Protein backbone atom coordinates (compact mmCIF):
# COMPACT_ATOMS: atom_id res chain seq x y z
CA MET A 1 0.66 313.07 -81.35
CA ARG A 2 4.64 312.67 -80.64
CA ASN A 3 5.07 314.46 -76.94
CA HIS A 4 9.16 315.59 -76.01
CA ARG A 5 10.42 317.40 -73.30
CA GLY A 6 13.71 319.15 -74.16
CA PRO A 7 16.74 318.77 -71.52
CA LEU A 8 16.68 320.89 -68.06
CA SER A 9 19.51 323.93 -68.25
CA VAL A 10 21.65 323.48 -65.30
CA CYS A 11 23.78 326.98 -64.54
CA VAL A 12 27.51 325.68 -63.11
CA ARG A 13 29.19 327.78 -59.95
CA VAL A 14 32.44 328.84 -60.87
CA ARG A 15 34.83 329.08 -58.07
CA GLY A 16 34.76 332.20 -56.48
CA GLY A 17 31.49 333.59 -57.77
CA ALA A 18 29.04 333.04 -55.79
CA SER A 19 27.38 336.62 -56.82
CA LEU A 20 27.42 334.87 -60.20
CA LEU A 21 25.42 332.11 -58.78
CA GLY A 22 23.22 333.90 -57.33
CA VAL A 23 22.21 335.85 -60.69
CA CYS A 24 22.36 332.51 -62.08
CA PHE A 25 20.02 331.34 -59.33
CA VAL A 26 17.87 334.19 -59.87
CA VAL A 27 17.57 333.95 -63.76
CA GLY A 28 16.64 330.07 -62.68
CA LEU A 29 13.69 331.56 -60.38
CA LEU A 30 12.59 334.36 -63.29
CA GLY A 31 12.77 330.99 -65.59
CA LEU A 32 10.25 329.35 -63.77
CA ALA A 33 8.29 332.42 -62.93
CA SER A 34 7.87 332.62 -66.48
CA ALA A 35 6.96 329.19 -67.37
CA GLY A 36 4.11 329.51 -64.67
CA ARG A 37 2.58 331.93 -66.55
CA ALA A 38 2.98 331.06 -69.83
CA ALA A 39 1.13 331.47 -72.45
CA GLN A 40 1.24 328.21 -74.36
CA ILE A 41 -0.43 327.02 -77.01
CA SER A 42 -0.52 323.93 -79.40
CA ASP A 43 -2.76 321.76 -82.23
CA ASP A 44 -1.87 318.11 -83.24
CA PHE A 45 -4.29 318.27 -85.79
CA ASN A 46 -5.52 314.79 -84.67
CA ASP A 47 -9.46 316.31 -84.58
CA GLY A 48 -8.96 316.35 -88.10
CA ASN A 49 -9.66 320.56 -88.90
CA ASP A 50 -8.22 323.53 -87.71
CA ASN A 51 -10.86 325.50 -86.44
CA ALA A 52 -11.55 323.90 -83.12
CA GLY A 53 -10.04 323.84 -79.67
CA PRO A 54 -7.88 326.79 -78.07
CA ALA A 55 -5.57 327.07 -81.55
CA VAL A 56 -8.35 328.24 -83.75
CA TRP A 57 -6.62 329.49 -86.71
CA THR A 58 -7.03 332.16 -89.24
CA ARG A 59 -6.61 331.18 -93.34
CA TYR A 60 -4.77 333.51 -95.69
CA ASP A 61 -5.36 332.99 -98.84
CA PRO A 62 -4.64 336.30 -100.63
CA LEU A 63 -4.50 334.81 -104.23
CA ALA A 64 -8.34 333.28 -103.93
CA SER A 65 -9.86 336.02 -105.45
CA PHE A 66 -7.28 335.82 -108.63
CA GLY A 67 -8.81 332.41 -109.38
CA SER A 68 -6.06 330.60 -107.56
CA PRO A 69 -7.59 329.82 -104.59
CA ALA A 70 -5.44 327.43 -101.88
CA SER A 71 -5.85 324.34 -100.83
CA TYR A 72 -6.20 323.56 -96.90
CA GLY A 73 -6.12 319.47 -95.65
CA PHE A 74 -5.74 317.05 -93.09
CA PRO A 75 -4.02 313.65 -94.17
CA ASN A 76 -5.16 310.98 -91.79
CA ASN A 77 -6.74 313.07 -90.24
CA ASN A 78 -3.15 313.99 -87.61
CA SER A 79 -1.65 316.30 -90.23
CA TYR A 80 -2.12 319.86 -91.90
CA ARG A 81 -1.48 320.37 -95.16
CA ILE A 82 -1.38 323.39 -97.39
CA GLN A 83 -0.95 323.94 -100.99
CA THR A 84 -1.54 326.47 -103.43
CA PRO A 85 -1.22 326.49 -107.27
CA ALA A 86 0.84 328.49 -109.11
CA PHE A 87 0.20 331.72 -110.26
CA THR A 88 1.53 334.15 -112.86
CA THR A 89 0.01 336.97 -112.79
CA ALA A 90 1.42 340.22 -111.20
CA PRO A 91 1.34 342.60 -109.15
CA PRO A 92 -0.13 340.15 -106.35
CA GLY A 93 2.52 338.03 -106.82
CA PRO A 94 4.06 334.67 -106.13
CA ALA A 95 1.34 332.02 -105.24
CA ARG A 96 1.38 331.51 -101.32
CA ALA A 97 -1.05 330.68 -98.45
CA ALA A 98 -0.58 331.09 -94.68
CA SER A 99 -2.73 329.98 -91.80
CA TYR A 100 -2.29 331.70 -88.38
CA LEU A 101 -3.51 332.45 -84.56
CA ASN A 102 -5.04 336.08 -84.66
CA ASN A 103 -5.80 335.93 -81.15
CA GLN A 104 -2.10 335.12 -80.07
CA ASN A 105 -0.08 338.13 -79.59
CA TYR A 106 3.29 336.94 -78.44
CA SER A 107 6.52 339.04 -78.12
CA THR A 108 9.01 337.28 -76.50
CA PHE A 109 7.92 333.55 -78.04
CA SER A 110 8.91 330.33 -79.09
CA VAL A 111 6.64 328.57 -81.93
CA SER A 112 7.33 324.80 -83.16
CA VAL A 113 6.36 322.96 -85.85
CA ASP A 114 7.06 319.55 -87.56
CA LEU A 115 7.81 318.99 -90.87
CA VAL A 116 6.26 315.64 -92.16
CA ASP A 117 6.30 315.64 -96.03
CA TRP A 118 6.63 318.19 -98.65
CA ASN A 119 6.91 318.91 -102.22
CA ASN A 120 11.00 318.50 -102.98
CA GLY A 121 10.82 318.91 -106.42
CA ILE A 122 9.34 322.52 -106.78
CA ASN A 123 11.39 325.62 -105.72
CA GLN A 124 9.35 326.88 -102.22
CA ALA A 125 9.60 327.87 -98.85
CA PHE A 126 7.54 327.01 -96.08
CA GLY A 127 7.75 326.72 -91.93
CA LEU A 128 6.73 329.22 -89.32
CA LEU A 129 5.60 332.90 -89.00
CA ALA A 130 5.70 335.09 -85.93
CA ARG A 131 5.54 338.64 -84.92
CA LEU A 132 2.21 338.66 -87.96
CA ASN A 133 0.72 342.41 -88.02
CA SER A 134 -1.46 343.85 -90.73
CA VAL A 135 -1.88 340.88 -92.68
CA GLY A 136 -3.76 341.35 -95.96
CA LEU A 137 -2.71 341.48 -99.04
CA GLY A 138 0.82 343.97 -100.02
CA SER A 139 0.27 344.43 -96.02
CA THR A 140 1.46 341.66 -94.00
CA THR A 141 4.97 342.56 -91.96
CA GLY A 142 6.19 340.06 -89.60
CA TYR A 143 8.99 337.13 -89.60
CA ALA A 144 9.48 333.93 -91.34
CA LEU A 145 11.66 331.18 -90.55
CA THR A 146 11.45 329.00 -94.17
CA TYR A 147 13.01 325.86 -95.46
CA GLN A 148 13.78 326.07 -99.15
CA PRO A 149 14.73 322.96 -100.93
CA THR A 150 16.07 324.33 -103.74
CA LEU A 151 18.27 326.50 -101.95
CA GLN A 152 18.89 323.68 -99.28
CA ALA A 153 18.60 326.23 -96.84
CA VAL A 154 16.96 327.60 -94.02
CA ASP A 155 16.44 331.34 -93.47
CA ILE A 156 15.23 333.71 -90.90
CA THR A 157 13.45 336.78 -93.03
CA ARG A 158 11.97 339.73 -91.97
CA ILE A 159 8.27 340.30 -94.42
CA THR A 160 7.35 343.88 -94.99
CA GLY A 161 4.56 344.33 -97.42
CA GLU A 162 3.86 340.90 -97.51
CA GLN A 163 7.52 340.79 -99.55
CA SER A 164 10.76 339.35 -98.11
CA ALA A 165 12.52 343.68 -97.67
CA ALA A 166 15.50 341.47 -95.68
CA THR A 167 17.11 338.10 -94.69
CA VAL A 168 18.39 338.31 -91.01
CA VAL A 169 20.61 334.91 -91.68
CA SER A 170 20.43 331.92 -94.36
CA THR A 171 22.03 329.08 -93.40
CA PRO A 172 22.67 325.84 -95.70
CA ILE A 173 21.16 322.76 -94.76
CA THR A 174 20.08 319.57 -96.60
CA LEU A 175 16.16 318.07 -94.89
CA ASP A 176 15.63 314.64 -96.66
CA PRO A 177 11.47 314.45 -97.13
CA ALA A 178 11.86 311.16 -96.67
CA LYS A 179 11.92 311.63 -92.92
CA ASP A 180 10.15 314.59 -90.31
CA TYR A 181 12.12 317.36 -88.81
CA ARG A 182 10.95 319.53 -86.06
CA LEU A 183 11.53 323.63 -86.64
CA VAL A 184 11.98 325.36 -83.28
CA PHE A 185 11.54 329.65 -84.15
CA THR A 186 12.21 331.77 -81.24
CA GLY A 187 12.58 335.93 -80.58
CA VAL A 188 13.29 337.65 -77.29
CA GLY A 189 13.52 341.42 -78.28
CA SER A 190 16.33 341.72 -82.17
CA ALA A 191 17.29 338.59 -81.44
CA LEU A 192 15.76 335.48 -83.45
CA THR A 193 16.95 331.90 -83.64
CA GLY A 194 15.85 329.06 -86.02
CA SER A 195 16.98 325.84 -85.21
CA VAL A 196 16.05 322.13 -86.81
CA PHE A 197 15.52 318.88 -85.32
CA ASP A 198 15.18 315.36 -86.35
CA LEU A 199 12.31 314.01 -84.64
CA THR A 200 14.93 310.59 -84.10
CA ASN A 201 16.80 312.93 -81.74
CA LEU A 202 15.31 316.04 -80.52
CA SER A 203 18.02 316.73 -78.27
CA THR A 204 20.99 317.50 -80.13
CA PRO A 205 19.78 319.72 -83.41
CA LEU A 206 21.06 318.95 -86.74
CA LEU A 207 21.37 323.41 -87.14
CA THR A 208 20.81 326.49 -85.09
CA THR A 209 21.35 329.95 -86.55
CA GLY A 210 20.29 333.40 -85.56
CA GLY A 211 20.70 337.53 -85.96
CA SER A 212 19.12 340.74 -84.52
CA ASP A 213 16.55 342.38 -86.31
CA THR A 214 14.83 345.17 -84.55
CA ALA A 215 11.50 346.50 -86.89
CA TYR A 216 8.61 343.96 -84.99
CA THR A 217 8.39 343.70 -81.79
CA ASN A 218 5.09 341.63 -81.34
CA GLY A 219 2.45 339.91 -83.11
CA PHE A 220 0.72 336.63 -84.83
CA PRO A 221 2.42 333.25 -84.69
CA GLY A 222 1.30 331.00 -88.36
CA LEU A 223 2.39 328.56 -91.04
CA LEU A 224 3.05 329.46 -94.12
CA VAL A 225 3.90 327.95 -97.76
CA PHE A 226 5.49 330.27 -100.58
CA ASP A 227 6.26 329.88 -104.20
CA ASN A 228 9.76 330.78 -104.42
CA SER A 229 11.12 330.62 -107.83
CA ASN A 230 11.49 333.18 -110.06
CA THR A 231 9.15 331.68 -113.02
CA ARG A 232 6.04 331.54 -109.99
CA THR A 233 4.68 328.78 -111.82
CA VAL A 234 4.91 325.53 -109.67
CA GLY A 235 3.13 326.29 -106.28
CA ALA A 236 3.44 325.45 -102.97
CA ASP A 237 2.72 322.13 -100.65
CA ALA A 238 4.06 321.24 -97.01
CA THR A 239 2.65 319.86 -94.08
CA PHE A 240 3.03 320.26 -90.66
CA ASP A 241 1.86 318.68 -87.35
CA ASN A 242 2.08 318.89 -83.94
CA PHE A 243 2.15 323.00 -83.51
CA SER A 244 3.13 324.88 -80.62
CA VAL A 245 3.68 328.49 -79.42
CA THR A 246 4.10 329.92 -75.80
CA ASP A 247 5.94 332.76 -74.43
CA VAL A 248 8.59 331.29 -72.54
CA VAL A 249 11.89 330.30 -74.28
CA PRO A 250 13.96 327.03 -74.52
CA GLU A 251 15.30 325.82 -71.22
CA PRO A 252 18.98 325.83 -73.05
CA ALA A 253 18.41 329.49 -73.71
CA GLY A 254 18.81 330.43 -69.67
CA ALA A 255 22.34 328.17 -70.25
CA VAL A 256 23.18 330.46 -72.90
CA VAL A 257 22.53 333.19 -70.28
CA CYS A 258 24.77 331.79 -67.49
CA GLY A 259 27.61 330.50 -69.66
CA VAL A 260 28.32 334.14 -70.33
CA LEU A 261 27.94 335.45 -67.46
CA ALA A 262 29.88 333.01 -66.02
CA LEU A 263 32.80 334.01 -68.79
CA GLY A 264 32.41 337.25 -67.94
CA GLY A 265 32.53 336.77 -64.02
CA LEU A 266 36.31 334.76 -64.67
CA MET A 267 37.55 337.67 -67.42
CA ARG A 268 37.04 340.14 -64.78
CA ARG A 269 38.70 337.98 -61.86
CA ARG A 270 41.76 338.08 -63.86
CA ARG A 271 42.10 341.08 -64.34
CA ALA A 272 41.39 342.20 -60.44
CA ARG A 273 44.56 339.56 -59.52
CA SER A 274 46.37 340.96 -62.24
């Protein structure tokens, strides 16, 4: 089990900006109040299962009835491996499998998981799900933050009818399968943000990317593996650890808000002086 804490956010006073400082102070208080009522669920999978404790997972295996069931395992009884074999017959589509928390509905969310192993030789996508609804064959809606090793990119995607309906943002990055990484996916209103950290340095992200989408406002979090090939003949295989989800966004977001407010305050004061 890995335990890490993120850096604290601090609002810095701007000369002559007493009112701004007050706004930042209020933002900080609201953040503390939110932290007090946060609905946080985590699972390090050290119990070797996905059906006990605060995080009770619902497995989604849409192709099992078509003769290609997914596999859910627990390597060393401390991580969560989801595998799905290749499937080539339409209309069920490419091989895919997921696991999600169907009793945890979030609007504002911060969901994270460690990527500890994956098959780097196949064209697949894997990662986090958020704001899931109507989960089922041909009906699932929500958002995904995934890494695609063949394309060497991290994508935030809108899912409609269990298909990728729109890419909110795609950002290039190459991850080393010999290393471990943390994916962090946050959503506040229409703003969606994804970050990737090397587990040896959780204070500085390797990548932060984001975009805006208004299609879905709330839903369930989860994990996903997906055959991303055009031939649909490679399947998908990834192993996760240290899952966590909360309705409070990470503290650095508060610093960004204060920074934007500070910049706006300075610009207004300069215009007033001129």
